Protein backbone atom coordinates (compact mmCIF):
# COMPACT_ATOMS: atom_id res chain seq x y z
CA UNK A 1 -104.56 -83.44 -6.67
CA UNK A 2 -105.29 -81.42 -3.60
CA UNK A 3 -105.62 -77.65 -3.54
CA UNK A 4 -106.58 -75.03 -0.99
CA UNK A 5 -108.11 -71.61 -1.30
CA UNK A 6 -108.79 -69.03 1.37
CA UNK A 7 -111.94 -67.05 2.10
CA UNK A 8 -113.20 -64.24 4.31
CA UNK A 9 -116.39 -64.55 6.33
CA UNK A 10 -119.14 -62.10 5.36
CA UNK A 11 -121.46 -60.66 8.01
CA UNK A 12 -124.00 -58.67 6.00
CA UNK A 13 -124.97 -61.28 3.39
CA UNK A 14 -126.37 -64.80 3.48
CA UNK A 15 -123.35 -66.14 1.65
CA UNK A 16 -119.77 -66.00 2.91
CA UNK A 17 -117.39 -63.62 1.14
CA UNK A 18 -114.56 -65.17 -0.87
CA UNK A 19 -111.69 -62.78 -1.49
CA UNK A 20 -108.49 -63.70 0.35
CA UNK A 21 -106.10 -66.59 0.89
CA UNK A 22 -105.13 -65.40 4.34
CA UNK A 23 -107.89 -66.78 6.53
CA UNK A 24 -110.14 -69.84 6.27
CA UNK A 25 -109.72 -72.64 3.76
CA UNK A 26 -111.55 -74.38 0.99
CA UNK A 27 -110.08 -77.71 -0.01
CA UNK A 28 -110.32 -79.31 -3.46
CA UNK A 29 -109.09 -82.91 -3.55
CA UNK A 30 -109.01 -85.62 -6.21
CA UNK A 31 -109.06 -89.42 -5.86
CA UNK A 32 -107.75 -90.70 -2.54
CA UNK A 33 -106.75 -87.15 -1.57
CA UNK A 34 -110.43 -86.16 -1.55
CA UNK A 35 -111.37 -88.89 0.89
CA UNK A 36 -108.33 -88.25 3.06
CA UNK A 37 -109.34 -84.59 3.34
CA UNK A 38 -112.90 -85.53 4.35
CA UNK A 39 -111.51 -87.92 6.94
CA UNK A 40 -109.17 -85.26 8.32
CA UNK A 41 -112.05 -82.77 8.50
CA UNK A 42 -114.27 -85.27 10.32
CA UNK A 43 -111.49 -85.77 12.87
CA UNK A 44 -111.04 -82.02 13.26
CA UNK A 45 -107.48 -82.11 11.96
CA UNK A 46 -108.37 -79.52 9.31
CA UNK A 47 -111.31 -77.12 9.37
CA UNK A 48 -112.17 -76.16 5.81
CA UNK A 49 -115.18 -73.98 5.08
CA UNK A 50 -116.01 -76.20 2.10
CA UNK A 51 -114.71 -79.33 0.35
CA UNK A 52 -114.82 -80.39 -3.28
CA UNK A 53 -114.20 -84.10 -3.78
CA UNK A 54 -113.25 -84.78 -7.41
CA UNK A 55 -113.66 -88.43 -8.48
CA UNK A 56 -113.23 -89.54 -4.86
CA UNK A 57 -111.85 -93.03 -4.24
CA UNK A 58 -111.02 -94.98 -1.11
CA UNK A 59 -109.68 -98.36 -2.27
CA UNK A 60 -106.37 -99.01 -4.00
CA UNK A 61 -106.27 -100.82 -7.38
CA UNK A 62 -105.73 -104.30 -5.98
CA UNK A 63 -108.17 -104.18 -3.03
CA UNK A 64 -110.99 -102.75 -5.16
CA UNK A 65 -110.62 -105.69 -7.57
CA UNK A 66 -109.59 -108.58 -5.32
CA UNK A 67 -110.97 -107.53 -1.95
CA UNK A 68 -109.23 -107.20 1.40
CA UNK A 69 -109.85 -110.41 3.35
CA UNK A 70 -107.05 -111.79 5.50
CA UNK A 71 -105.57 -114.00 2.79
CA UNK A 72 -105.42 -111.11 0.33
CA UNK A 73 -103.95 -108.79 2.95
CA UNK A 74 -101.15 -111.29 3.43
CA UNK A 75 -100.49 -111.33 -0.31
CA UNK A 76 -100.52 -107.53 -0.46
CA UNK A 77 -97.99 -107.44 2.35
CA UNK A 78 -95.71 -109.82 0.47
CA UNK A 79 -96.02 -107.74 -2.69
CA UNK A 80 -95.17 -104.54 -0.80
CA UNK A 81 -92.16 -106.25 0.73
CA UNK A 82 -90.88 -107.38 -2.66
CA UNK A 83 -91.40 -103.96 -4.25
CA UNK A 84 -89.40 -102.35 -1.45
CA UNK A 85 -86.37 -104.63 -1.82
CA UNK A 86 -83.35 -103.20 -3.68
CA UNK A 87 -82.97 -105.84 -6.40
CA UNK A 88 -86.17 -107.75 -7.03
CA UNK A 89 -88.18 -104.68 -6.08
CA UNK A 90 -86.65 -102.58 -8.81
CA UNK A 91 -87.18 -105.33 -11.38
CA UNK A 92 -90.86 -105.71 -10.46
CA UNK A 93 -91.37 -101.95 -10.27
CA UNK A 94 -89.86 -101.47 -13.72
CA UNK A 95 -92.10 -104.20 -15.10
CA UNK A 96 -95.37 -103.11 -13.49
CA UNK A 97 -95.04 -99.34 -13.11
CA UNK A 98 -91.93 -97.66 -14.42
CA UNK A 99 -92.12 -98.30 -18.13
CA UNK A 100 -93.83 -96.36 -20.88
CA UNK A 101 -95.83 -99.32 -22.17
CA UNK A 102 -97.41 -100.00 -18.78
CA UNK A 103 -98.16 -96.32 -18.21
CA UNK A 104 -99.79 -95.95 -21.63
CA UNK A 105 -101.84 -99.09 -21.13
CA UNK A 106 -103.10 -98.03 -17.69
CA UNK A 107 -104.08 -94.53 -18.77
CA UNK A 108 -105.78 -95.69 -21.95
CA UNK A 109 -107.67 -98.52 -20.28
CA UNK A 110 -109.15 -96.78 -17.24
CA UNK A 111 -107.32 -93.70 -15.89
CA UNK A 112 -108.32 -91.40 -18.79
CA UNK A 113 -111.64 -91.64 -20.62
CA UNK A 114 -110.34 -90.70 -24.07
CA UNK A 115 -107.32 -92.73 -25.25
CA UNK A 116 -106.41 -89.94 -27.68
CA UNK A 117 -105.55 -87.74 -24.71
CA UNK A 118 -102.77 -90.16 -23.77
CA UNK A 119 -100.11 -88.70 -26.04
CA UNK A 120 -96.44 -89.81 -26.26
CA UNK A 121 -95.36 -86.57 -24.58
CA UNK A 122 -97.82 -87.16 -21.75
CA UNK A 123 -96.63 -90.74 -21.24
CA UNK A 124 -93.02 -89.55 -21.20
CA UNK A 125 -93.83 -86.97 -18.52
CA UNK A 126 -95.42 -89.63 -16.31
CA UNK A 127 -92.57 -92.04 -16.93
CA UNK A 128 -90.10 -89.39 -15.78
CA UNK A 129 -91.91 -89.16 -12.44
CA UNK A 130 -91.52 -92.90 -11.89
CA UNK A 131 -87.73 -92.64 -12.20
CA UNK A 132 -87.26 -90.15 -9.36
CA UNK A 133 -85.34 -91.32 -6.29
CA UNK A 134 -87.57 -93.33 -3.95
CA UNK A 135 -90.43 -93.28 -6.41
CA UNK A 136 -91.32 -96.95 -6.07
CA UNK A 137 -92.39 -96.77 -2.41
CA UNK A 138 -95.63 -94.82 -2.79
CA UNK A 139 -96.94 -96.96 -5.69
CA UNK A 140 -96.21 -100.06 -3.61
CA UNK A 141 -98.36 -98.67 -0.80
CA UNK A 142 -101.10 -97.33 -3.07
CA UNK A 143 -101.46 -100.46 -5.23
CA UNK A 144 -101.86 -102.71 -2.18
CA UNK A 145 -104.24 -100.49 -0.23
CA UNK A 146 -101.87 -99.24 2.45
CA UNK A 147 -102.91 -95.65 1.70
CA UNK A 148 -106.64 -96.41 1.79
CA UNK A 149 -108.36 -93.99 4.20
CA UNK A 150 -111.19 -96.45 4.98
CA UNK A 151 -111.85 -100.16 4.59
CA UNK A 152 -115.44 -100.29 3.35
CA UNK A 153 -118.18 -98.36 1.58
CA UNK A 154 -120.02 -97.93 4.88
CA UNK A 155 -116.97 -96.24 6.39
CA UNK A 156 -116.63 -94.15 3.22
CA UNK A 157 -120.21 -92.87 3.50
CA UNK A 158 -119.83 -92.33 7.24
CA UNK A 159 -117.00 -89.86 6.63
CA UNK A 160 -119.28 -87.64 4.54
CA UNK A 161 -122.28 -87.97 6.83
CA UNK A 162 -120.10 -86.89 9.72
CA UNK A 163 -119.80 -83.43 8.14
CA UNK A 164 -123.51 -82.98 7.46
CA UNK A 165 -124.62 -79.51 8.44
CA UNK A 166 -121.04 -78.48 9.17
CA UNK A 167 -119.21 -78.24 5.85
CA UNK A 168 -120.60 -77.88 2.30
CA UNK A 169 -119.30 -80.75 0.16
CA UNK A 170 -119.31 -80.97 -3.63
CA UNK A 171 -118.80 -84.41 -5.18
CA UNK A 172 -117.68 -84.47 -8.81
CA UNK A 173 -118.26 -87.92 -10.31
CA UNK A 174 -117.33 -88.96 -13.85
CA UNK A 175 -119.02 -90.61 -16.79
CA UNK A 176 -116.15 -92.93 -17.72
CA UNK A 177 -114.81 -94.28 -14.44
CA UNK A 178 -114.14 -98.02 -14.14
CA UNK A 179 -117.21 -99.94 -12.97
CA UNK A 180 -116.13 -100.51 -9.36
CA UNK A 181 -114.80 -96.99 -8.83
CA UNK A 182 -117.93 -95.48 -10.37
CA UNK A 183 -120.12 -97.53 -8.01
CA UNK A 184 -118.35 -95.97 -5.01
CA UNK A 185 -118.76 -92.46 -6.44
CA UNK A 186 -122.43 -93.09 -7.24
CA UNK A 187 -123.00 -94.23 -3.66
CA UNK A 188 -122.45 -90.58 -2.71
CA UNK A 189 -125.22 -89.28 -4.99
CA UNK A 190 -127.88 -89.26 -2.25
CA UNK A 191 -125.53 -89.63 0.68
CA UNK A 192 -125.86 -87.58 3.84
CA UNK A 193 -123.33 -84.80 4.05
CA UNK A 194 -123.05 -84.33 0.28
CA UNK A 195 -124.37 -80.87 -0.56
CA UNK A 196 -124.12 -81.21 -4.33
CA UNK A 197 -123.40 -84.11 -6.69
CA UNK A 198 -122.43 -83.50 -10.33
CA UNK A 199 -121.01 -85.60 -13.15
CA UNK A 200 -118.46 -84.58 -15.78
CA UNK A 201 -116.58 -86.26 -18.62
CA UNK A 202 -113.50 -88.24 -17.69
CA UNK A 203 -112.53 -91.28 -15.67
CA UNK A 204 -110.26 -91.33 -12.61
CA UNK A 205 -108.43 -88.05 -13.25
CA UNK A 206 -110.97 -85.61 -14.73
CA UNK A 207 -109.11 -82.65 -13.24
CA UNK A 208 -106.17 -83.59 -15.47
CA UNK A 209 -108.04 -84.72 -18.56
CA UNK A 210 -110.84 -82.13 -18.57
CA UNK A 211 -109.63 -79.36 -16.26
CA UNK A 212 -111.93 -76.67 -17.70
CA UNK A 213 -115.05 -78.75 -17.01
CA UNK A 214 -113.97 -79.47 -13.46
CA UNK A 215 -112.99 -75.83 -12.89
CA UNK A 216 -116.43 -74.71 -14.08
CA UNK A 217 -118.17 -76.97 -11.55
CA UNK A 218 -115.85 -75.80 -8.78
CA UNK A 219 -116.58 -72.18 -9.59
CA UNK A 220 -120.34 -72.80 -9.61
CA UNK A 221 -120.02 -74.45 -6.21
CA UNK A 222 -118.16 -71.41 -4.87
CA UNK A 223 -120.77 -69.05 -6.30
CA UNK A 224 -123.57 -71.04 -4.68
CA UNK A 225 -121.97 -71.06 -1.25
CA UNK A 226 -119.87 -67.91 -1.10
CA UNK A 227 -119.92 -64.32 -2.26
CA UNK A 228 -117.10 -64.43 -4.80
CA UNK A 229 -115.08 -61.20 -5.05
CA UNK A 230 -113.07 -61.01 -8.26
């Protein structure tokens, strides 16, 4: 999830005026997208007036569990290569990713906090996405860490500290994230560059599972930093 919203700069008030989508940008990002946005902002590739990082992550599923030393990187490379091959790749992809049982299991175990929110209709909608042309290539990269924006917690924290005093940043953590992912989110609680840290219900995708709660925190953040014009 990554969204943008425009704002106008106010000159007569302490807070900036938010009323238009034609000028400057606010960026709301979830998961890896959140960290990628912060990295891009630190490099000056984008210049948002504020960032909201929702359940930010930086390590793919396999690296966060098994690490990223040289031996594991070799194994990840082999796995990516197999997943990309026409025959064996499709078989492995269908077994690990593109089947309703695997999708349901993943969402119920750690992606969503409440298993009851993982309905048959929801699973079917996610399964449909995995059957689109070329769909196996991104999961292959994500699972093995090829899309990871940084390689360590220190680098993760450095991204946020690099925007201290420049860009307001909201971090939305969650109550039900997996242990390792939660530890990385919690590391941002007192981190430099983080303007506000809040926690909501959910796990890795709170903006999907509890969108109203996340929206409320985003709106509060806007009110605190900008003059919101309805």
